[in-house]
C-alpha atoms as a PDB file:
ATOM      1  CA  MET A   1     -28.171 -18.596  14.133  1.00  0.00           C
ATOM      2  CA  SER A   2     -25.783 -16.470  12.091  1.00  0.00           C
ATOM      3  CA  ARG A   3     -23.183 -14.346  13.957  1.00  0.00           C
ATOM      4  CA  VAL A   4     -23.279 -11.795  11.207  1.00  0.00           C
ATOM      5  CA  LEU A   5     -24.805  -8.549  12.386  1.00  0.00           C
ATOM      6  CA  THR A   6     -26.931  -7.028   9.708  1.00  0.00           C
ATOM      7  CA  GLY A   7     -27.771  -3.325   9.936  1.00  0.00           C
ATOM      8  CA  ASP A   8     -30.974  -4.213  11.697  1.00  0.00           C
ATOM      9  CA  LYS A   9     -29.322  -6.615  14.140  1.00  0.00           C
ATOM     10  CA  LEU A  10     -26.566  -4.137  14.858  1.00  0.00           C
ATOM     11  CA  VAL A  11     -29.090  -1.395  15.763  1.00  0.00           C
ATOM     12  CA  GLU A  12     -30.861  -3.875  18.125  1.00  0.00           C
ATOM     13  CA  SER A  13     -27.540  -4.814  19.729  1.00  0.00           C
ATOM     14  CA  VAL A  14     -26.602  -1.120  20.304  1.00  0.00           C
ATOM     15  CA  ARG A  15     -29.969  -0.402  21.891  1.00  0.00           C
ATOM     16  CA  ASN A  16     -29.515  -3.311  24.286  1.00  0.00           C
ATOM     17  CA  ARG A  17     -25.962  -2.305  25.153  1.00  0.00           C
ATOM     18  CA  ALA A  18     -26.813   1.344  25.804  1.00  0.00           C
ATOM     19  CA  MET A  19     -30.287   0.722  27.121  1.00  0.00           C
ATOM     20  CA  ILE A  20     -31.928   2.957  24.424  1.00  0.00           C
ATOM     21  CA  PRO A  21     -35.660   2.383  23.990  1.00  0.00           C
ATOM     22  CA  SER A  22     -36.816   1.778  20.458  1.00  0.00           C
ATOM     23  CA  ASP A  23     -39.541   4.373  20.575  1.00  0.00           C
ATOM     24  CA  THR A  24     -37.265   7.339  21.178  1.00  0.00           C
ATOM     25  CA  SER A  25     -36.902  10.004  18.479  1.00  0.00           C
ATOM     26  CA  LEU A  26     -33.440  11.011  19.835  1.00  0.00           C
ATOM     27  CA  TYR A  27     -31.682   7.919  18.454  1.00  0.00           C
ATOM     28  CA  THR A  28     -33.516   6.474  15.484  1.00  0.00           C
ATOM     29  CA  ASP A  29     -32.268   3.455  13.571  1.00  0.00           C
ATOM     30  CA  GLU A  30     -30.723   5.728  10.997  1.00  0.00           C
ATOM     31  CA  ASN A  31     -28.982   7.843  13.677  1.00  0.00           C
ATOM     32  CA  ILE A  32     -27.473   4.749  15.213  1.00  0.00           C
ATOM     33  CA  LEU A  33     -26.262   3.421  11.820  1.00  0.00           C
ATOM     34  CA  ALA A  34     -24.738   6.836  11.060  1.00  0.00           C
ATOM     35  CA  ILE A  35     -22.765   6.671  14.311  1.00  0.00           C
ATOM     36  CA  ALA A  36     -21.745   3.061  13.509  1.00  0.00           C
ATOM     37  CA  ASN A  37     -20.379   4.170  10.085  1.00  0.00           C
ATOM     38  CA  GLU A  38     -18.432   6.923  11.665  1.00  0.00           C
ATOM     39  CA  GLU A  39     -16.919   4.384  14.151  1.00  0.00           C
ATOM     40  CA  ILE A  40     -15.867   2.109  11.310  1.00  0.00           C
ATOM     41  CA  ASP A  41     -13.955   4.991   9.705  1.00  0.00           C
ATOM     42  CA  VAL A  42     -12.312   6.475  12.809  1.00  0.00           C
ATOM     43  CA  GLN A  43     -11.896   3.439  15.074  1.00  0.00           C
ATOM     44  CA  LEU A  44     -11.887   0.136  13.248  1.00  0.00           C
ATOM     45  CA  LEU A  45     -10.229   0.734   9.942  1.00  0.00           C
ATOM     46  CA  ASP A  46      -6.790   1.651  11.314  1.00  0.00           C
ATOM     47  CA  LYS A  47      -6.872  -1.322  13.687  1.00  0.00           C
ATOM     48  CA  LEU A  48      -7.730  -3.679  10.854  1.00  0.00           C
ATOM     49  CA  LEU A  49      -5.201  -2.345   8.479  1.00  0.00           C
ATOM     50  CA  SER A  50      -2.406  -2.377  11.088  1.00  0.00           C
ATOM     51  CA  LEU A  51      -2.512  -6.123  11.114  1.00  0.00           C
ATOM     52  CA  HIS A  52      -1.242  -6.325   7.547  1.00  0.00           C
ATOM     53  CA  GLU A  53      -3.358  -9.470   6.974  1.00  0.00           C
ATOM     54  CA  GLU A  54      -5.013  -8.267   3.737  1.00  0.00           C
ATOM     55  CA  HIS A  55      -8.562  -8.343   5.135  1.00  0.00           C
ATOM     56  CA  LEU A  56      -9.654  -5.467   2.847  1.00  0.00           C
ATOM     57  CA  THR A  57      -7.335  -6.015  -0.039  1.00  0.00           C
ATOM     58  CA  ILE A  58      -8.737  -6.360  -3.579  1.00  0.00           C
ATOM     59  CA  HIS A  59      -7.234  -5.666  -6.982  1.00  0.00           C
ATOM     60  CA  ILE A  60      -8.264  -4.392 -10.415  1.00  0.00           C
ATOM     61  CA  ASP A  61      -6.620  -4.958 -13.756  1.00  0.00           C
ATOM     62  CA  ILE A  62      -6.438  -1.952 -16.075  1.00  0.00           C
ATOM     63  CA  PRO A  63      -5.374  -2.387 -19.758  1.00  0.00           C
ATOM     64  CA  SER A  64      -2.382  -0.291 -20.689  1.00  0.00           C
ATOM     65  CA  ASN A  65      -2.969   3.044 -22.285  1.00  0.00           C
ATOM     66  CA  GLU A  66      -0.915   5.443 -24.376  1.00  0.00           C
ATOM     67  CA  ASN A  67      -0.144   8.028 -21.716  1.00  0.00           C
ATOM     68  CA  GLY A  68       0.623   5.609 -18.835  1.00  0.00           C
ATOM     69  CA  VAL A  69      -1.606   7.521 -16.324  1.00  0.00           C
ATOM     70  CA  TYR A  70      -4.165   5.622 -14.164  1.00  0.00           C
ATOM     71  CA  ASP A  71      -6.545   6.894 -11.503  1.00  0.00           C
ATOM     72  CA  ILE A  72      -6.353   5.494  -8.002  1.00  0.00           C
ATOM     73  CA  PRO A  73      -9.638   3.648  -7.323  1.00  0.00           C
ATOM     74  CA  HIS A  74     -12.071   6.094  -5.691  1.00  0.00           C
ATOM     75  CA  ARG A  75     -12.884   3.468  -2.969  1.00  0.00           C
ATOM     76  CA  ALA A  76      -9.312   3.084  -1.872  1.00  0.00           C
ATOM     77  CA  VAL A  77      -8.937   3.727   1.873  1.00  0.00           C
ATOM     78  CA  GLY A  78      -6.969   6.969   2.327  1.00  0.00           C
ATOM     79  CA  ASN A  79      -6.668   7.137  -1.513  1.00  0.00           C
ATOM     80  CA  LYS A  80      -3.550   4.957  -1.126  1.00  0.00           C
ATOM     81  CA  LEU A  81      -2.455   1.709  -2.809  1.00  0.00           C
ATOM     82  CA  ARG A  82      -1.235  -1.657  -1.477  1.00  0.00           C
ATOM     83  CA  ASP A  83       0.950  -2.486  -4.476  1.00  0.00           C
ATOM     84  CA  ILE A  84       1.258  -2.197  -8.214  1.00  0.00           C
ATOM     85  CA  ILE A  85       2.311  -4.941 -10.686  1.00  0.00           C
ATOM     86  CA  MET A  86       3.055  -4.741 -14.389  1.00  0.00           C
ATOM     87  CA  ILE A  87       1.773  -7.721 -16.482  1.00  0.00           C
ATOM     88  CA  SER A  88       3.343  -8.449 -19.798  1.00  0.00           C
ATOM     89  CA  GLY A  89       2.827 -11.601 -21.854  1.00  0.00           C
ATOM     90  CA  GLY A  90       1.326 -13.347 -18.874  1.00  0.00           C
ATOM     91  CA  ASN A  91       4.388 -12.613 -16.682  1.00  0.00           C
ATOM     92  CA  HIS A  92       4.133 -10.438 -13.573  1.00  0.00           C
ATOM     93  CA  TYR A  93       6.785  -7.827 -12.785  1.00  0.00           C
ATOM     94  CA  GLU A  94       7.198  -5.851  -9.571  1.00  0.00           C
ATOM     95  CA  MET A  95       7.205  -2.131  -9.926  1.00  0.00           C
ATOM     96  CA  THR A  96       9.095   0.431  -7.811  1.00  0.00           C
ATOM     97  CA  GLN A  97       7.776   3.821  -6.652  1.00  0.00           C
ATOM     98  CA  ILE A  98       9.899   6.858  -6.965  1.00  0.00           C
ATOM     99  CA  SER A  99       9.197  10.360  -5.596  1.00  0.00           C
ATOM    100  CA  ILE A 100       8.520  13.315  -7.776  1.00  0.00           C
ATOM    101  CA  GLY A 101      11.851  14.686  -6.724  1.00  0.00           C
ATOM    102  CA  GLU A 102      13.590  11.687  -8.303  1.00  0.00           C
ATOM    103  CA  LEU A 103      12.131  12.154 -11.757  1.00  0.00           C
ATOM    104  CA  SER A 104      15.282  13.982 -12.895  1.00  0.00           C
ATOM    105  CA  ASP A 105      17.269  10.773 -12.282  1.00  0.00           C
ATOM    106  CA  TYR A 106      15.116   9.029 -14.909  1.00  0.00           C
ATOM    107  CA  ILE A 107      14.146  11.723 -17.366  1.00  0.00           C
ATOM    108  CA  TYR A 108      16.697  13.815 -19.315  1.00  0.00           C
ATOM    109  CA  ASP A 109      16.006  16.210 -22.151  1.00  0.00           C
ATOM    110  CA  GLY A 110      12.479  14.812 -22.461  1.00  0.00           C
ATOM    111  CA  GLN A 111      13.719  11.312 -22.914  1.00  0.00           C
ATOM    112  CA  THR A 112      13.249   8.504 -20.452  1.00  0.00           C
ATOM    113  CA  PHE A 113      16.187   6.312 -19.481  1.00  0.00           C
ATOM    114  CA  SER A 114      15.627   2.601 -19.996  1.00  0.00           C
ATOM    115  CA  GLN A 115      15.837   1.988 -16.241  1.00  0.00           C
ATOM    116  CA  GLY A 116      12.611   3.925 -15.885  1.00  0.00           C
ATOM    117  CA  LEU A 117      10.574   0.950 -17.286  1.00  0.00           C
ATOM    118  CA  ASP A 118       9.440  -0.475 -13.969  1.00  0.00           C
ATOM    119  CA  LYS A 119       9.109   2.802 -12.038  1.00  0.00           C
ATOM    120  CA  PHE A 120       6.072   4.884 -11.228  1.00  0.00           C
ATOM    121  CA  TYR A 121       5.223   7.899  -9.119  1.00  0.00           C
ATOM    122  CA  ILE A 122       2.043   9.305  -7.483  1.00  0.00           C
ATOM    123  CA  GLU A 123       0.740  12.706  -8.382  1.00  0.00           C
ATOM    124  CA  SER A 124      -2.503  13.766  -6.701  1.00  0.00           C
ATOM    125  CA  ASN A 125      -4.878  10.845  -7.186  1.00  0.00           C
ATOM    126  CA  GLN A 126      -3.068   9.406 -10.227  1.00  0.00           C
ATOM    127  CA  ILE A 127      -0.402   6.715 -10.885  1.00  0.00           C
ATOM    128  CA  LYS A 128       2.044   7.747 -13.553  1.00  0.00           C
ATOM    129  CA  ILE A 129       4.410   5.294 -15.275  1.00  0.00           C
ATOM    130  CA  VAL A 130       7.844   6.835 -15.833  1.00  0.00           C
ATOM    131  CA  ASN A 131       8.631   5.047 -19.168  1.00  0.00           C
ATOM    132  CA  ASN A 132       5.291   4.212 -20.798  1.00  0.00           C
ATOM    133  CA  LYS A 133       6.837   3.531 -24.229  1.00  0.00           C
ATOM    134  CA  LYS A 134       7.942   0.037 -23.165  1.00  0.00           C
ATOM    135  CA  GLY A 135       5.494  -2.752 -23.850  1.00  0.00           C
ATOM    136  CA  TYR A 136       3.169  -4.152 -21.142  1.00  0.00           C
ATOM    137  CA  ASP A 137      -0.361  -5.383 -21.341  1.00  0.00           C
ATOM    138  CA  THR A 138      -1.965  -4.564 -18.038  1.00  0.00           C
ATOM    139  CA  ILE A 139      -1.445  -2.727 -14.768  1.00  0.00           C
ATOM    140  CA  ARG A 140      -2.641  -4.594 -11.733  1.00  0.00           C
ATOM    141  CA  ILE A 141      -3.568  -2.274  -8.821  1.00  0.00           C
ATOM    142  CA  TYR A 142      -3.897  -3.751  -5.269  1.00  0.00           C
ATOM    143  CA  TYR A 143      -5.632  -1.499  -2.749  1.00  0.00           C
ATOM    144  CA  TYR A 144      -7.607  -1.541   0.509  1.00  0.00           C
ATOM    145  CA  ILE A 145     -11.266  -1.075  -0.314  1.00  0.00           C
ATOM    146  CA  ARG A 146     -13.255   1.218   1.997  1.00  0.00           C
ATOM    147  CA  PRO A 147     -16.136  -0.640   3.726  1.00  0.00           C
ATOM    148  CA  SER A 148     -19.541   0.427   2.304  1.00  0.00           C
ATOM    149  CA  PHE A 149     -21.979   2.633   4.234  1.00  0.00           C
ATOM    150  CA  LEU A 150     -23.983   0.403   6.538  1.00  0.00           C
ATOM    151  CA  VAL A 151     -27.782   0.474   5.839  1.00  0.00           C
ATOM    152  CA  LEU A 152     -30.914  -1.410   6.951  1.00  0.00           C
ATOM    153  CA  GLU A 153     -31.852  -4.634   5.189  1.00  0.00           C
ATOM    154  CA  SER A 154     -34.905  -2.910   3.734  1.00  0.00           C
ATOM    155  CA  ASP A 155     -32.561  -0.686   1.727  1.00  0.00           C
ATOM    156  CA  ALA A 156     -31.172  -3.700  -0.197  1.00  0.00           C
ATOM    157  CA  ALA A 157     -32.552  -6.424  -2.360  1.00  0.00           C
ATOM    158  CA  LYS A 158     -31.861 -10.090  -1.302  1.00  0.00           C
ATOM    159  CA  ILE A 159     -31.292 -12.463  -4.242  1.00  0.00           C
ATOM    160  CA  THR A 160     -33.756 -15.396  -4.323  1.00  0.00           C
ATOM    161  CA  GLU A 161     -32.892 -16.638  -7.843  1.00  0.00           C
ATOM    162  CA  LYS A 162     -30.078 -16.219 -10.411  1.00  0.00           C
ATOM    163  CA  VAL A 163     -30.860 -16.904 -14.019  1.00  0.00           C
ATOM    164  CA  ILE A 164     -28.568 -16.745 -17.085  1.00  0.00           C
ATOM    165  CA  ASP A 165     -30.477 -15.432 -20.048  1.00  0.00           C
ATOM    166  CA  GLY A 166     -28.108 -15.288 -23.025  1.00  0.00           C
ATOM    167  CA  ASP A 167     -25.771 -12.373 -22.582  1.00  0.00           C
ATOM    168  CA  GLU A 168     -27.614 -11.213 -19.482  1.00  0.00           C
ATOM    169  CA  VAL A 169     -27.911 -12.243 -15.878  1.00  0.00           C
ATOM    170  CA  VAL A 170     -31.338 -11.855 -14.216  1.00  0.00           C
ATOM    171  CA  PHE A 171     -31.483 -11.519 -10.435  1.00  0.00           C
ATOM    172  CA  LYS A 172     -34.887 -12.051  -8.797  1.00  0.00           C
ATOM    173  CA  PHE A 173     -35.889 -10.851  -5.327  1.00  0.00           C
ATOM    174  CA  ASN A 174     -38.675 -10.993  -2.758  1.00  0.00           C
ATOM    175  CA  LYS A 175     -38.846  -7.250  -2.901  1.00  0.00           C
ATOM    176  CA  ILE A 176     -36.938  -4.260  -4.369  1.00  0.00           C
ATOM    177  CA  PRO A 177     -36.531  -0.932  -2.622  1.00  0.00           C
ATOM    178  CA  ASN A 178     -38.566   1.801  -4.242  1.00  0.00           C
ATOM    179  CA  ASP A 179     -35.510   3.976  -4.733  1.00  0.00           C
ATOM    180  CA  PHE A 180     -33.807   1.465  -7.025  1.00  0.00           C
ATOM    181  CA  THR A 181     -33.699   2.994 -10.531  1.00  0.00           C
ATOM    182  CA  ASN A 182     -32.238   2.253 -13.905  1.00  0.00           C
ATOM    183  CA  GLU A 183     -29.936   5.229 -13.526  1.00  0.00           C
ATOM    184  CA  SER A 184     -28.275   4.068 -10.348  1.00  0.00           C
ATOM    185  CA  GLN A 185     -25.114   1.932  -9.962  1.00  0.00           C
ATOM    186  CA  TYR A 186     -25.095  -1.150  -7.767  1.00  0.00           C
ATOM    187  CA  ASP A 187     -22.898  -3.464  -5.665  1.00  0.00           C
ATOM    188  CA  ILE A 188     -23.315  -7.105  -4.846  1.00  0.00           C
ATOM    189  CA  VAL A 189     -22.484  -8.045  -1.262  1.00  0.00           C
ATOM    190  CA  GLY A 190     -22.106 -11.493   0.208  1.00  0.00           C
ATOM    191  CA  TYR A 191     -24.479 -12.428   3.001  1.00  0.00           C
ATOM    192  CA  ARG A 192     -22.088 -14.932   4.430  1.00  0.00           C
ATOM    193  CA  THR A 193     -18.883 -14.089   6.285  1.00  0.00           C
ATOM    194  CA  PRO A 194     -16.679 -12.263   5.424  1.00  0.00           C
ATOM    195  CA  ASN A 195     -19.533 -10.206   3.817  1.00  0.00           C
ATOM    196  CA  LYS A 196     -17.186  -8.945   1.085  1.00  0.00           C
ATOM    197  CA  ILE A 197     -18.203  -6.691  -1.778  1.00  0.00           C
ATOM    198  CA  LYS A 198     -18.262  -9.116  -4.776  1.00  0.00           C
ATOM    199  CA  CYS A 199     -19.020  -6.716  -7.520  1.00  0.00           C
ATOM    200  CA  LEU A 200     -18.615  -2.884  -7.681  1.00  0.00           C
ATOM    201  CA  ASP A 201     -20.408  -0.096  -9.467  1.00  0.00           C
ATOM    202  CA  LEU A 202     -22.530  -2.282 -11.739  1.00  0.00           C
ATOM    203  CA  VAL A 203     -24.701  -0.626 -14.321  1.00  0.00           C
ATOM    204  CA  PRO A 204     -28.023  -2.458 -15.011  1.00  0.00           C
ATOM    205  CA  VAL A 205     -29.287  -3.314 -18.472  1.00  0.00           C
ATOM    206  CA  PRO A 206     -31.326  -0.261 -19.571  1.00  0.00           C
ATOM    207  CA  GLN A 207     -34.975  -0.351 -18.387  1.00  0.00           C
ATOM    208  CA  SER A 208     -34.355  -3.681 -16.639  1.00  0.00           C
ATOM    209  CA  VAL A 209     -34.952  -2.655 -12.985  1.00  0.00           C
ATOM    210  CA  ASN A 210     -38.569  -3.767 -12.318  1.00  0.00           C
ATOM    211  CA  VAL A 211     -39.960  -3.033  -8.896  1.00  0.00           C
ATOM    212  CA  ILE A 212     -43.182  -4.715  -9.754  1.00  0.00           C
ATOM    213  CA  ALA A 213     -41.742  -7.942 -11.173  1.00  0.00           C
ATOM    214  CA  LYS A 214     -39.045  -7.772  -8.461  1.00  0.00           C
ATOM    215  CA  GLN A 215     -36.052  -8.391 -10.734  1.00  0.00           C
ATOM    216  CA  MET A 216     -33.177  -6.649 -12.536  1.00  0.00           C
ATOM    217  CA  ARG A 217     -30.688  -7.535 -15.245  1.00  0.00           C
ATOM    218  CA  PHE A 218     -27.010  -7.003 -15.738  1.00  0.00           C
ATOM    219  CA  ASN A 219     -24.771  -7.661 -18.716  1.00  0.00           C
ATOM    220  CA  LYS A 220     -23.041 -11.086 -18.226  1.00  0.00           C
ATOM    221  CA  GLU A 221     -19.637  -9.821 -19.180  1.00  0.00           C
ATOM    222  CA  ASP A 222     -19.687  -7.220 -16.409  1.00  0.00           C
ATOM    223  CA  ILE A 223     -19.980  -9.916 -13.675  1.00  0.00           C
ATOM    224  CA  GLU A 224     -18.838 -13.121 -15.451  1.00  0.00           C
ATOM    225  CA  LYS A 225     -15.552 -13.301 -13.457  1.00  0.00           C
ATOM    226  CA  TYR A 226     -17.575 -13.326 -10.192  1.00  0.00           C
ATOM    227  CA  LEU A 227     -20.708 -15.201 -11.355  1.00  0.00           C
ATOM    228  CA  ASP A 228     -19.902 -18.470  -9.572  1.00  0.00           C
ATOM    229  CA  GLN A 229     -19.270 -16.547  -6.300  1.00  0.00           C
ATOM    230  CA  ILE A 230     -22.713 -14.840  -6.386  1.00  0.00           C
ATOM    231  CA  ILE A 231     -25.258 -17.086  -4.567  1.00  0.00           C
ATOM    232  CA  VAL A 232     -28.881 -16.927  -3.407  1.00  0.00           C
ATOM    233  CA  GLY A 233     -29.014 -14.845  -0.321  1.00  0.00           C
ATOM    234  CA  ASP A 234     -26.519 -12.227  -1.398  1.00  0.00           C
ATOM    235  CA  TYR A 235     -27.529  -8.612  -1.590  1.00  0.00           C
ATOM    236  CA  VAL A 236     -27.823  -6.187  -4.361  1.00  0.00           C
ATOM    237  CA  CYS A 237     -27.400  -2.696  -2.995  1.00  0.00           C
ATOM    238  CA  GLN A 238     -26.978   0.815  -4.165  1.00  0.00           C
ATOM    239  CA  ALA A 239     -23.267   1.419  -4.847  1.00  0.00           C
ATOM    240  CA  GLU A 240     -21.251   1.987  -1.640  1.00  0.00           C
ATOM    241  CA  GLU A 241     -24.023   0.769   0.610  1.00  0.00           C
ATOM    242  CA  SER A 242     -24.305  -2.621   2.357  1.00  0.00           C
ATOM    243  CA  PRO A 243     -26.759  -4.114   4.834  1.00  0.00           C
ATOM    244  CA  VAL A 244     -23.908  -5.939   6.554  1.00  0.00           C
ATOM    245  CA  PRO A 245     -20.530  -4.598   7.787  1.00  0.00           C
ATOM    246  CA  ASN A 246     -17.775  -5.353   5.308  1.00  0.00           C
ATOM    247  CA  ILE A 247     -15.317  -6.292   8.069  1.00  0.00           C
ATOM    248  CA  PRO A 248     -14.530  -9.671   9.804  1.00  0.00           C
ATOM    249  CA  THR A 249     -17.615 -11.108  11.515  1.00  0.00           C
ATOM    250  CA  GLU A 250     -15.587 -11.259  14.796  1.00  0.00           C
ATOM    251  CA  MET A 251     -15.435  -7.451  14.680  1.00  0.00           C
ATOM    252  CA  HIS A 252     -19.174  -6.918  14.387  1.00  0.00           C
ATOM    253  CA  PRO A 253     -19.819  -6.997  18.220  1.00  0.00           C
ATOM    254  CA  VAL A 254     -16.863  -4.571  18.572  1.00  0.00           C
ATOM    255  CA  LEU A 255     -18.589  -2.113  16.186  1.00  0.00           C
ATOM    256  CA  ALA A 256     -21.794  -2.443  18.214  1.00  0.00           C
ATOM    257  CA  GLN A 257     -19.935  -1.746  21.445  1.00  0.00           C
ATOM    258  CA  LEU A 258     -18.041   1.206  19.870  1.00  0.00           C
ATOM    259  CA  THR A 259     -21.345   2.682  18.788  1.00  0.00           C
ATOM    260  CA  ALA A 260     -22.877   2.143  22.307  1.00  0.00           C
ATOM    261  CA  VAL A 261     -19.879   3.856  23.907  1.00  0.00           C
ATOM    262  CA  HIS A 262     -20.235   6.785  21.546  1.00  0.00           C
ATOM    263  CA  ILE A 263     -23.887   7.216  22.468  1.00  0.00           C
ATOM    264  CA  LEU A 264     -23.356   6.848  26.219  1.00  0.00           C
ATOM    265  CA  GLU A 265     -20.655   9.484  26.018  1.00  0.00           C
ATOM    266  CA  ALA A 266     -23.109  11.892  24.219  1.00  0.00           C
ATOM    267  CA  MET A 267     -25.743  11.103  26.851  1.00  0.00           C
ATOM    268  CA  GLY A 268     -23.413  11.933  29.650  1.00  0.00           C
ATOM    269  CA  ASP A 269     -24.105   8.656  31.499  1.00  0.00           C
ATOM    270  CA  THR A 270     -20.699   8.517  33.219  1.00  0.00           C
ATOM    271  CA  GLU A 271     -21.177   5.262  35.120  1.00  0.00           C
ATOM    272  CA  ALA A 272     -22.523   3.300  32.206  1.00  0.00           C
ATOM    273  CA  LEU A 273     -19.879   4.845  29.901  1.00  0.00           C
ATOM    274  CA  GLY A 274     -17.049   3.604  32.225  1.00  0.00           C
ATOM    275  CA  ASN A 275     -18.423   0.112  32.280  1.00  0.00           C
ATOM    276  CA  ALA A 276     -18.971   0.078  28.502  1.00  0.00           C
ATOM    277  CA  GLN A 277     -15.425   1.352  27.854  1.00  0.00           C
ATOM    278  CA  ARG A 278     -13.795  -1.259  29.974  1.00  0.00           C
ATOM    279  CA  ARG A 279     -15.877  -3.935  28.180  1.00  0.00           C
ATOM    280  CA  LEU A 280     -14.764  -2.438  24.808  1.00  0.00           C
ATOM    281  CA  ASP A 281     -11.098  -2.519  25.700  1.00  0.00           C
ATOM    282  CA  SER A 282     -11.405  -6.227  26.614  1.00  0.00           C
ATOM    283  CA  MET A 283     -13.264  -7.015  23.439  1.00  0.00           C
ATOM    284  CA  VAL A 284     -10.714  -5.187  21.177  1.00  0.00           C
ATOM    285  CA  LYS A 285      -7.883  -7.058  22.774  1.00  0.00           C
ATOM    286  CA  SER A 286      -9.344 -10.485  22.293  1.00  0.00           C
ATOM    287  CA  VAL A 287     -10.823  -9.876  18.861  1.00  0.00           C
ATOM    288  CA  MET A 288      -7.609  -8.406  17.411  1.00  0.00           C
ATOM    289  CA  SER A 289      -5.832 -11.642  18.307  1.00  0.00           C
ATOM    290  CA  LEU A 290      -8.509 -13.658  16.452  1.00  0.00           C
ATOM    291  CA  VAL A 291      -8.297 -11.743  13.168  1.00  0.00           C
ATOM    292  CA  ASP A 292      -4.474 -11.490  13.182  1.00  0.00           C
ATOM    293  CA  ASP A 293      -2.082 -14.106  11.795  1.00  0.00           C
ATOM    294  CA  ARG A 294      -4.553 -15.658   9.363  1.00  0.00           C
ATOM    295  CA  VAL A 295      -2.180 -18.509   8.319  1.00  0.00           C
ATOM    296  CA  GLU A 296      -0.554 -19.601  11.612  1.00  0.00           C
ATOM    297  CA  LEU A 297       2.005 -22.301  10.590  1.00  0.00           C
ATOM    298  CA  ALA A 298       3.168 -21.170   7.119  1.00  0.00           C
ATOM    299  CA  PRO A 299       6.306 -18.925   7.344  1.00  0.00           C
ATOM    300  CA  LYS A 300       6.229 -15.734   5.355  1.00  0.00           C
ATOM    301  CA  LYS A 301       8.868 -15.185   2.666  1.00  0.00           C
ATOM    302  CA  ILE A 302      10.949 -12.102   3.206  1.00  0.00           C
ATOM    303  CA  LYS A 303      12.461 -10.613   0.047  1.00  0.00           C
ATOM    304  CA  PRO A 304      14.118  -7.218   0.148  1.00  0.00           C
ATOM    305  CA  ARG A 305      12.413  -5.095  -2.454  1.00  0.00           C
ATOM    306  CA  ASN A 306      15.673  -3.355  -3.228  1.00  0.00           C
ATOM    307  CA  GLY A 307      18.173  -6.168  -2.517  1.00  0.00           C
ATOM    308  CA  ALA A 308      20.948  -7.357  -4.894  1.00  0.00           C
ATOM    309  CA  LEU A 309      18.937 -10.273  -6.117  1.00  0.00           C
ATOM    310  CA  ASN A 310      15.896  -8.164  -6.820  1.00  0.00           C
ATOM    311  CA  GLU A 311      18.047  -5.675  -8.696  1.00  0.00           C
ATOM    312  CA  ALA A 312      19.576  -8.429 -10.753  1.00  0.00           C
ATOM    313  CA  ILE A 313      16.166  -9.781 -11.774  1.00  0.00           C
ATOM    314  CA  SER A 314      15.013  -6.231 -12.629  1.00  0.00           C
ATOM    315  CA  HIS A 315      17.951  -5.582 -14.853  1.00  0.00           C
ATOM    316  CA  SER A 316      17.523  -8.967 -16.554  1.00  0.00           C
ATOM    317  CA  TYR A 317      13.852  -8.114 -17.292  1.00  0.00           C
ATOM    318  CA  ARG A 318      14.812  -4.653 -18.699  1.00  0.00           C
ATOM    319  CA  GLY A 319      17.334  -6.315 -20.929  1.00  0.00           C
ATOM    320  CA  LYS A 320      14.787  -8.727 -22.287  1.00  0.00           C
ATOM    321  CA  ARG A 321      12.292  -5.948 -23.007  1.00  0.00           C
ATOM    322  CA  ARG A 322      14.986  -4.067 -24.974  1.00  0.00           C
ATOM    323  CA  GLY A 323      15.538  -7.215 -27.131  1.00  0.00           C
ATOM    324  CA  ARG A 324      18.936  -8.127 -25.765  1.00  0.00           C
END
């Protein structure tokens, strides 16, 4: 049996932990999932990110534009970034963040000094390249993606067949939720651990969402990079929804326990709350050691971002880009 807790299984687990009957109107399945989603945001995310083991890290590549301004992805946790890399001619170059207060060190009389090439700063929810006149092809943005809102399995469509039809990909299902429309955007989420979001914000081919035929179509070019990763059993969901928690499988029981503690606290069951809290503390301690240190024997390279060697490489790159 799979250890992955779908939304339905998580609700059942919470009811068992907090001794909540299924016929109560006080805590419906939707109420329990709403609490679970809140606990992901306020309790689990900071623990997971503190490990620095890249569990939620993904990247997007954005072609260079004329003004050198790029939006931070709207799904980035805390609207913050993991890293930014400049790609030019197939080569990857590290970029350095400066503060807005340091802009005067790189811009004088409206002109950008050459050393501004690999520098950027953050203003509101945008990344701004200091010297955008220098040539580069792509900006690669690494960020921590926010786990999607956990829903019941009935709110998603499970893929039973994947068919390539010319420039389109057809997904077939046993059923499609009635609220799936041609105007919505969709995610594809893996049913196997680690239940990652494989594709984001997909727009279906016009008029291709067919509830009766139980299928929908997407343009092949939109998902071609991930096509081999999408398998039978994966879920197509409304954008920013998922029937499985997008966190390591080992943390699923912790999420259920957190939700049960929240409910017991609200119910004022002091004795049960104390026992549940002690159980939670023990679970967190053991699970955090399991999801930490993902590669045990390989040493991590330590390179100072602003060391002498790094500065030498940076100056060498700037010289090349100026044609020296």
